[in-house]
């Protein structure tokens, strides 16, 4: 299914961009944000999460180790939902939370899709697999 590349690009580019922004705008999106929402050791975890998002986002874009790269990002997005959207749901209700959480839930479902389906034929994973099969045959 060639269309998998669209999901890889969508999810990968969002995570890559968010990871980069944690370093470009640390007060708003990095350490400062992690402090504001109560993440322990924000000076460690904000850059750590930023690197995970950059590396794993890039892997998704390339279609390299797609299923493996999806796992840390699933942990990332589940943590984001638990620390930001669940408290918002409790305070503000369903509709404001649904509006604010649309990207989070799209990323969550996109990652679950990639974990199940894999990278698709237009990916470095597929190229690697074809190369391995040819090496075994010949």
N, C-alpha and C. Protein backbone atom coordinates (compact mmCIF):
# COMPACT_ATOMS: atom_id res chain seq x y z
N UNK A 1 0.84 -1.17 0.00
CA UNK A 1 0.00 0.00 0.00
C UNK A 1 0.89 1.24 0.00
N UNK A 2 1.00 1.87 -1.16
CA UNK A 2 1.89 3.01 -1.32
C UNK A 2 1.46 4.23 -0.52
N UNK A 3 0.16 4.34 -0.23
CA UNK A 3 -0.36 5.52 0.48
C UNK A 3 0.15 5.62 1.91
N UNK A 4 0.77 4.58 2.43
CA UNK A 4 1.33 4.63 3.78
C UNK A 4 2.33 5.78 3.89
N UNK A 5 2.98 6.12 2.80
CA UNK A 5 3.96 7.21 2.84
C UNK A 5 3.31 8.51 3.31
N UNK A 6 2.03 8.71 2.99
CA UNK A 6 1.35 9.93 3.41
C UNK A 6 1.22 10.00 4.94
N UNK A 7 0.90 8.88 5.56
CA UNK A 7 0.79 8.83 7.03
C UNK A 7 2.18 9.01 7.64
N UNK A 8 3.19 8.33 7.06
CA UNK A 8 4.56 8.49 7.57
C UNK A 8 5.00 9.94 7.51
N UNK A 9 4.74 10.60 6.39
CA UNK A 9 5.14 12.00 6.25
C UNK A 9 4.38 12.90 7.22
N UNK A 10 3.09 12.70 7.32
CA UNK A 10 2.27 13.51 8.23
C UNK A 10 2.77 13.39 9.67
N UNK A 11 2.84 12.17 10.16
CA UNK A 11 3.23 11.94 11.55
C UNK A 11 4.70 12.32 11.77
N UNK A 12 5.56 11.90 10.87
CA UNK A 12 6.99 12.18 11.01
C UNK A 12 7.30 13.67 11.00
N UNK A 13 6.68 14.41 10.09
CA UNK A 13 6.94 15.85 10.00
C UNK A 13 6.43 16.60 11.23
N UNK A 14 5.29 16.19 11.76
CA UNK A 14 4.77 16.85 12.96
C UNK A 14 5.72 16.63 14.13
N UNK A 15 6.16 15.38 14.34
CA UNK A 15 7.06 15.11 15.46
C UNK A 15 8.43 15.77 15.25
N UNK A 16 8.96 15.72 14.04
CA UNK A 16 10.23 16.38 13.75
C UNK A 16 10.15 17.88 14.06
N UNK A 17 9.09 18.52 13.59
CA UNK A 17 8.90 19.94 13.83
C UNK A 17 8.75 20.25 15.32
N UNK A 18 7.97 19.48 16.03
CA UNK A 18 7.77 19.70 17.47
C UNK A 18 9.08 19.51 18.24
N UNK A 19 9.86 18.52 17.84
CA UNK A 19 11.15 18.28 18.50
C UNK A 19 12.10 19.45 18.31
N UNK A 20 12.18 19.95 17.09
CA UNK A 20 13.04 21.09 16.79
C UNK A 20 12.60 22.32 17.58
N UNK A 21 11.29 22.53 17.66
CA UNK A 21 10.77 23.71 18.36
C UNK A 21 11.04 23.68 19.86
N UNK A 22 11.21 22.49 20.44
CA UNK A 22 11.56 22.39 21.86
C UNK A 22 12.93 23.04 22.12
N UNK A 23 13.79 23.03 21.11
CA UNK A 23 15.11 23.67 21.24
C UNK A 23 15.08 25.13 20.79
N UNK A 24 14.27 25.45 19.79
CA UNK A 24 14.20 26.83 19.30
C UNK A 24 13.47 27.76 20.27
N UNK A 25 12.45 27.23 20.94
CA UNK A 25 11.61 28.02 21.84
C UNK A 25 11.49 27.32 23.20
N UNK A 26 12.61 27.21 23.93
CA UNK A 26 12.59 26.43 25.17
C UNK A 26 11.63 26.95 26.24
N UNK A 27 11.46 28.25 26.34
CA UNK A 27 10.56 28.79 27.37
C UNK A 27 9.11 28.41 27.10
N UNK A 28 8.71 28.46 25.85
CA UNK A 28 7.31 28.18 25.50
C UNK A 28 7.03 26.71 25.25
N UNK A 29 7.98 26.00 24.63
CA UNK A 29 7.70 24.63 24.19
C UNK A 29 8.65 23.58 24.74
N UNK A 30 9.71 24.01 25.38
CA UNK A 30 10.69 23.07 25.93
C UNK A 30 10.65 23.03 27.43
N UNK A 31 11.76 23.38 28.06
CA UNK A 31 11.89 23.31 29.51
C UNK A 31 10.79 24.10 30.22
N UNK A 32 10.51 25.31 29.74
CA UNK A 32 9.48 26.13 30.37
C UNK A 32 8.12 25.48 30.36
N UNK A 33 7.77 24.88 29.26
CA UNK A 33 6.46 24.17 29.16
C UNK A 33 6.45 22.96 30.07
N UNK A 34 7.55 22.21 30.10
CA UNK A 34 7.61 21.02 30.95
C UNK A 34 7.50 21.40 32.42
N UNK A 35 8.13 22.52 32.80
CA UNK A 35 8.00 23.02 34.18
C UNK A 35 6.55 23.38 34.47
N UNK A 36 5.91 24.09 33.55
CA UNK A 36 4.53 24.56 33.73
C UNK A 36 3.54 23.42 33.93
N UNK A 37 3.72 22.32 33.19
CA UNK A 37 2.76 21.22 33.33
C UNK A 37 3.17 20.21 34.39
N UNK A 38 4.29 20.46 35.06
CA UNK A 38 4.66 19.63 36.20
C UNK A 38 5.45 18.37 35.89
N UNK A 39 6.14 18.34 34.76
CA UNK A 39 6.99 17.19 34.43
C UNK A 39 8.24 17.25 35.33
N UNK A 40 8.54 16.14 35.97
CA UNK A 40 9.73 16.07 36.83
C UNK A 40 11.00 16.24 35.98
N UNK A 41 12.01 16.84 36.55
CA UNK A 41 13.32 17.04 35.90
C UNK A 41 13.17 17.63 34.49
N UNK A 42 12.51 18.78 34.37
CA UNK A 42 12.24 19.36 33.04
C UNK A 42 13.51 19.69 32.26
N UNK A 43 14.60 20.03 32.96
CA UNK A 43 15.84 20.35 32.24
C UNK A 43 16.46 19.12 31.59
N UNK A 44 16.10 17.95 32.06
CA UNK A 44 16.53 16.71 31.42
C UNK A 44 15.50 16.25 30.38
N UNK A 45 14.22 16.18 30.81
CA UNK A 45 13.22 15.56 29.96
C UNK A 45 12.83 16.38 28.73
N UNK A 46 12.84 17.69 28.80
CA UNK A 46 12.47 18.49 27.62
C UNK A 46 13.46 18.25 26.47
N UNK A 47 14.79 18.37 26.70
CA UNK A 47 15.70 18.07 25.60
C UNK A 47 15.67 16.59 25.19
N UNK A 48 15.49 15.70 26.16
CA UNK A 48 15.42 14.27 25.85
C UNK A 48 14.25 14.00 24.91
N UNK A 49 13.07 14.53 25.26
CA UNK A 49 11.88 14.34 24.42
C UNK A 49 12.10 15.00 23.07
N UNK A 50 12.72 16.17 23.05
CA UNK A 50 13.01 16.83 21.78
C UNK A 50 13.87 15.98 20.86
N UNK A 51 14.90 15.37 21.40
CA UNK A 51 15.77 14.49 20.60
C UNK A 51 15.00 13.27 20.12
N UNK A 52 14.20 12.67 21.00
CA UNK A 52 13.39 11.50 20.61
C UNK A 52 12.46 11.89 19.46
N UNK A 53 11.80 13.04 19.56
CA UNK A 53 10.89 13.46 18.50
C UNK A 53 11.62 13.74 17.19
N UNK A 54 12.79 14.33 17.26
CA UNK A 54 13.57 14.61 16.05
C UNK A 54 14.04 13.32 15.40
N UNK A 55 14.66 12.45 16.19
CA UNK A 55 15.23 11.21 15.63
C UNK A 55 14.12 10.29 15.12
N UNK A 56 13.13 10.04 15.95
CA UNK A 56 12.06 9.11 15.54
C UNK A 56 11.19 9.71 14.43
N UNK A 57 10.96 11.02 14.47
CA UNK A 57 10.23 11.66 13.38
C UNK A 57 10.96 11.51 12.06
N UNK A 58 12.28 11.71 12.08
CA UNK A 58 13.09 11.54 10.86
C UNK A 58 13.06 10.09 10.38
N UNK A 59 13.12 9.14 11.31
CA UNK A 59 13.04 7.73 10.93
C UNK A 59 11.71 7.41 10.25
N UNK A 60 10.62 7.98 10.76
CA UNK A 60 9.31 7.76 10.12
C UNK A 60 9.29 8.35 8.72
N UNK A 61 9.82 9.54 8.56
CA UNK A 61 9.85 10.18 7.24
C UNK A 61 10.61 9.32 6.24
N UNK A 62 11.73 8.76 6.68
CA UNK A 62 12.55 7.92 5.80
C UNK A 62 11.97 6.51 5.63
N UNK A 63 11.10 6.12 6.54
CA UNK A 63 10.58 4.75 6.51
C UNK A 63 11.64 3.76 6.96
N UNK A 64 12.43 4.15 7.93
CA UNK A 64 13.51 3.31 8.45
C UNK A 64 13.19 2.95 9.90
N UNK A 65 13.15 1.66 10.18
CA UNK A 65 12.82 1.19 11.54
C UNK A 65 11.48 1.79 12.00
N UNK A 66 10.53 1.81 11.10
CA UNK A 66 9.26 2.50 11.32
C UNK A 66 8.52 2.00 12.55
N UNK A 67 8.36 0.70 12.65
CA UNK A 67 7.63 0.16 13.81
C UNK A 67 8.37 0.46 15.11
N UNK A 68 9.66 0.29 15.11
CA UNK A 68 10.47 0.57 16.30
C UNK A 68 10.39 2.05 16.66
N UNK A 69 10.49 2.95 15.69
CA UNK A 69 10.44 4.39 15.94
C UNK A 69 9.06 4.82 16.44
N UNK A 70 8.03 4.08 16.11
CA UNK A 70 6.68 4.42 16.56
C UNK A 70 6.51 4.24 18.07
N UNK A 71 7.24 3.30 18.66
CA UNK A 71 7.04 2.99 20.08
C UNK A 71 7.40 4.16 21.00
N UNK A 72 8.60 4.76 20.90
CA UNK A 72 8.88 5.91 21.78
C UNK A 72 7.94 7.08 21.52
N UNK A 73 7.52 7.25 20.27
CA UNK A 73 6.60 8.34 19.97
C UNK A 73 5.21 8.07 20.55
N UNK A 74 4.81 6.80 20.61
CA UNK A 74 3.54 6.45 21.28
C UNK A 74 3.61 6.79 22.76
N UNK A 75 4.74 6.48 23.38
CA UNK A 75 4.92 6.82 24.80
C UNK A 75 4.87 8.34 24.95
N UNK A 76 5.53 9.05 24.07
CA UNK A 76 5.57 10.51 24.06
C UNK A 76 4.16 11.09 23.98
N UNK A 77 3.38 10.67 22.99
CA UNK A 77 2.06 11.26 22.78
C UNK A 77 1.09 10.85 23.88
N UNK A 78 1.21 9.64 24.40
CA UNK A 78 0.34 9.23 25.51
C UNK A 78 0.65 10.05 26.76
N UNK A 79 1.92 10.34 26.98
CA UNK A 79 2.31 11.20 28.10
C UNK A 79 1.78 12.61 27.90
N UNK A 80 1.87 13.12 26.68
CA UNK A 80 1.35 14.45 26.39
C UNK A 80 -0.16 14.52 26.64
N UNK A 81 -0.87 13.51 26.21
CA UNK A 81 -2.33 13.48 26.42
C UNK A 81 -2.64 13.40 27.92
N UNK A 82 -1.92 12.55 28.63
CA UNK A 82 -2.18 12.37 30.07
C UNK A 82 -1.86 13.62 30.87
N UNK A 83 -0.81 14.35 30.48
CA UNK A 83 -0.38 15.51 31.29
C UNK A 83 -1.02 16.82 30.86
N UNK A 84 -1.58 16.87 29.66
CA UNK A 84 -2.16 18.14 29.21
C UNK A 84 -3.65 18.04 28.87
N UNK A 85 -4.03 17.02 28.18
CA UNK A 85 -5.42 16.96 27.70
C UNK A 85 -6.39 16.38 28.73
N UNK A 86 -5.98 15.41 29.50
CA UNK A 86 -6.86 14.85 30.55
C UNK A 86 -7.15 15.92 31.61
N UNK A 87 -6.13 16.64 32.12
CA UNK A 87 -6.46 17.73 33.06
C UNK A 87 -7.38 18.79 32.44
N UNK A 88 -7.16 19.09 31.17
CA UNK A 88 -8.01 20.07 30.50
C UNK A 88 -9.45 19.57 30.42
N UNK A 89 -9.61 18.29 30.12
CA UNK A 89 -10.95 17.69 30.05
C UNK A 89 -11.67 17.84 31.39
N UNK A 90 -10.96 17.62 32.47
CA UNK A 90 -11.55 17.72 33.80
C UNK A 90 -11.96 19.16 34.14
N UNK A 91 -11.17 20.13 33.67
CA UNK A 91 -11.44 21.54 34.01
C UNK A 91 -12.41 22.21 33.03
N UNK A 92 -12.22 21.96 31.73
CA UNK A 92 -12.95 22.74 30.73
C UNK A 92 -14.04 21.97 30.01
N UNK A 93 -14.03 20.65 30.12
CA UNK A 93 -15.07 19.88 29.45
C UNK A 93 -14.64 19.31 28.11
N UNK A 94 -15.58 18.62 27.49
CA UNK A 94 -15.30 17.84 26.27
C UNK A 94 -14.93 18.70 25.06
N UNK A 95 -15.77 19.67 24.68
CA UNK A 95 -15.56 20.36 23.41
C UNK A 95 -14.28 21.19 23.35
N UNK A 96 -13.95 21.95 24.38
CA UNK A 96 -12.66 22.65 24.31
C UNK A 96 -11.48 21.68 24.24
N UNK A 97 -11.60 20.57 24.97
CA UNK A 97 -10.52 19.57 24.95
C UNK A 97 -10.45 18.89 23.59
N UNK A 98 -11.60 18.56 23.02
CA UNK A 98 -11.61 17.93 21.70
C UNK A 98 -10.93 18.83 20.68
N UNK A 99 -11.16 20.12 20.78
CA UNK A 99 -10.52 21.06 19.85
C UNK A 99 -9.00 21.07 20.05
N UNK A 100 -8.56 21.19 21.29
CA UNK A 100 -7.13 21.26 21.59
C UNK A 100 -6.41 19.93 21.35
N UNK A 101 -7.12 18.82 21.45
CA UNK A 101 -6.50 17.50 21.37
C UNK A 101 -6.50 16.90 19.97
N UNK A 102 -7.01 17.60 18.99
CA UNK A 102 -7.15 17.00 17.66
C UNK A 102 -5.82 16.54 17.08
N UNK A 103 -4.77 17.32 17.24
CA UNK A 103 -3.46 16.91 16.72
C UNK A 103 -2.93 15.71 17.50
N UNK A 104 -3.07 15.75 18.82
CA UNK A 104 -2.58 14.65 19.66
C UNK A 104 -3.23 13.32 19.26
N UNK A 105 -4.55 13.35 19.12
CA UNK A 105 -5.23 12.10 18.78
C UNK A 105 -4.96 11.67 17.34
N UNK A 106 -4.76 12.61 16.44
CA UNK A 106 -4.36 12.25 15.08
C UNK A 106 -2.99 11.58 15.07
N UNK A 107 -2.06 12.14 15.86
CA UNK A 107 -0.73 11.53 15.96
C UNK A 107 -0.81 10.15 16.60
N UNK A 108 -1.62 10.01 17.65
CA UNK A 108 -1.79 8.72 18.32
C UNK A 108 -2.29 7.66 17.34
N UNK A 109 -3.35 7.99 16.61
CA UNK A 109 -3.90 7.02 15.66
C UNK A 109 -2.97 6.76 14.49
N UNK A 110 -2.26 7.79 14.03
CA UNK A 110 -1.27 7.61 12.96
C UNK A 110 -0.16 6.67 13.40
N UNK A 111 0.30 6.82 14.64
CA UNK A 111 1.36 5.94 15.15
C UNK A 111 0.87 4.50 15.32
N UNK A 112 -0.35 4.34 15.80
CA UNK A 112 -0.91 2.99 15.93
C UNK A 112 -1.00 2.35 14.54
N UNK A 113 -1.44 3.11 13.55
CA UNK A 113 -1.51 2.62 12.18
C UNK A 113 -0.14 2.16 11.70
N UNK A 114 0.89 2.99 11.89
CA UNK A 114 2.24 2.63 11.44
C UNK A 114 2.80 1.43 12.21
N UNK A 115 2.47 1.33 13.47
CA UNK A 115 2.91 0.17 14.26
C UNK A 115 2.30 -1.11 13.70
N UNK A 116 1.05 -1.06 13.29
CA UNK A 116 0.36 -2.24 12.76
C UNK A 116 0.79 -2.54 11.33
N UNK A 117 0.79 -1.53 10.46
CA UNK A 117 0.99 -1.72 9.02
C UNK A 117 2.46 -1.72 8.62
N UNK A 118 3.28 -0.96 9.33
CA UNK A 118 4.69 -0.83 8.94
C UNK A 118 4.88 0.34 8.01
N UNK A 119 6.01 0.36 7.34
CA UNK A 119 6.42 1.54 6.56
C UNK A 119 5.90 1.60 5.15
N UNK A 120 5.41 0.50 4.60
CA UNK A 120 4.94 0.49 3.23
C UNK A 120 6.07 0.27 2.23
N UNK A 121 5.73 0.18 0.94
CA UNK A 121 6.74 -0.16 -0.07
C UNK A 121 7.71 0.97 -0.42
N UNK A 122 7.29 2.22 -0.21
CA UNK A 122 8.17 3.35 -0.52
C UNK A 122 8.88 3.80 0.74
N UNK A 123 9.81 2.96 1.20
CA UNK A 123 10.49 3.22 2.46
C UNK A 123 11.84 2.53 2.46
N UNK A 124 12.74 3.03 3.30
CA UNK A 124 14.04 2.38 3.43
C UNK A 124 13.90 0.99 4.04
N UNK A 125 12.89 0.78 4.89
CA UNK A 125 12.64 -0.56 5.43
C UNK A 125 12.39 -1.56 4.31
N UNK A 126 11.55 -1.17 3.35
CA UNK A 126 11.23 -2.06 2.22
C UNK A 126 12.46 -2.29 1.35
N UNK A 127 13.24 -1.25 1.12
CA UNK A 127 14.46 -1.38 0.34
C UNK A 127 15.43 -2.33 1.03
N UNK A 128 15.57 -2.18 2.34
CA UNK A 128 16.45 -3.06 3.12
C UNK A 128 15.98 -4.51 3.05
N UNK A 129 14.68 -4.70 3.15
CA UNK A 129 14.12 -6.06 3.11
C UNK A 129 14.36 -6.68 1.74
N UNK A 130 14.15 -5.92 0.66
CA UNK A 130 14.40 -6.44 -0.69
C UNK A 130 15.86 -6.80 -0.86
N UNK A 131 16.76 -5.95 -0.36
CA UNK A 131 18.20 -6.22 -0.45
C UNK A 131 18.58 -7.47 0.30
N UNK A 132 18.02 -7.66 1.50
CA UNK A 132 18.29 -8.86 2.29
C UNK A 132 17.80 -10.12 1.58
N UNK A 133 16.62 -10.05 0.97
CA UNK A 133 16.07 -11.21 0.25
C UNK A 133 16.92 -11.56 -0.96
N UNK A 134 17.38 -10.53 -1.69
CA UNK A 134 18.24 -10.77 -2.85
C UNK A 134 19.57 -11.37 -2.44
N UNK A 135 20.11 -10.93 -1.32
CA UNK A 135 21.39 -11.46 -0.82
C UNK A 135 21.24 -12.94 -0.43
N UNK A 136 20.10 -13.27 0.17
CA UNK A 136 19.87 -14.69 0.55
C UNK A 136 19.71 -15.59 -0.66
N UNK A 137 19.10 -15.05 -1.72
CA UNK A 137 18.88 -15.84 -2.94
C UNK A 137 20.15 -16.02 -3.75
N UNK A 138 20.96 -15.00 -3.76
CA UNK A 138 22.01 -15.04 -4.71
C UNK A 138 23.38 -15.07 -4.23
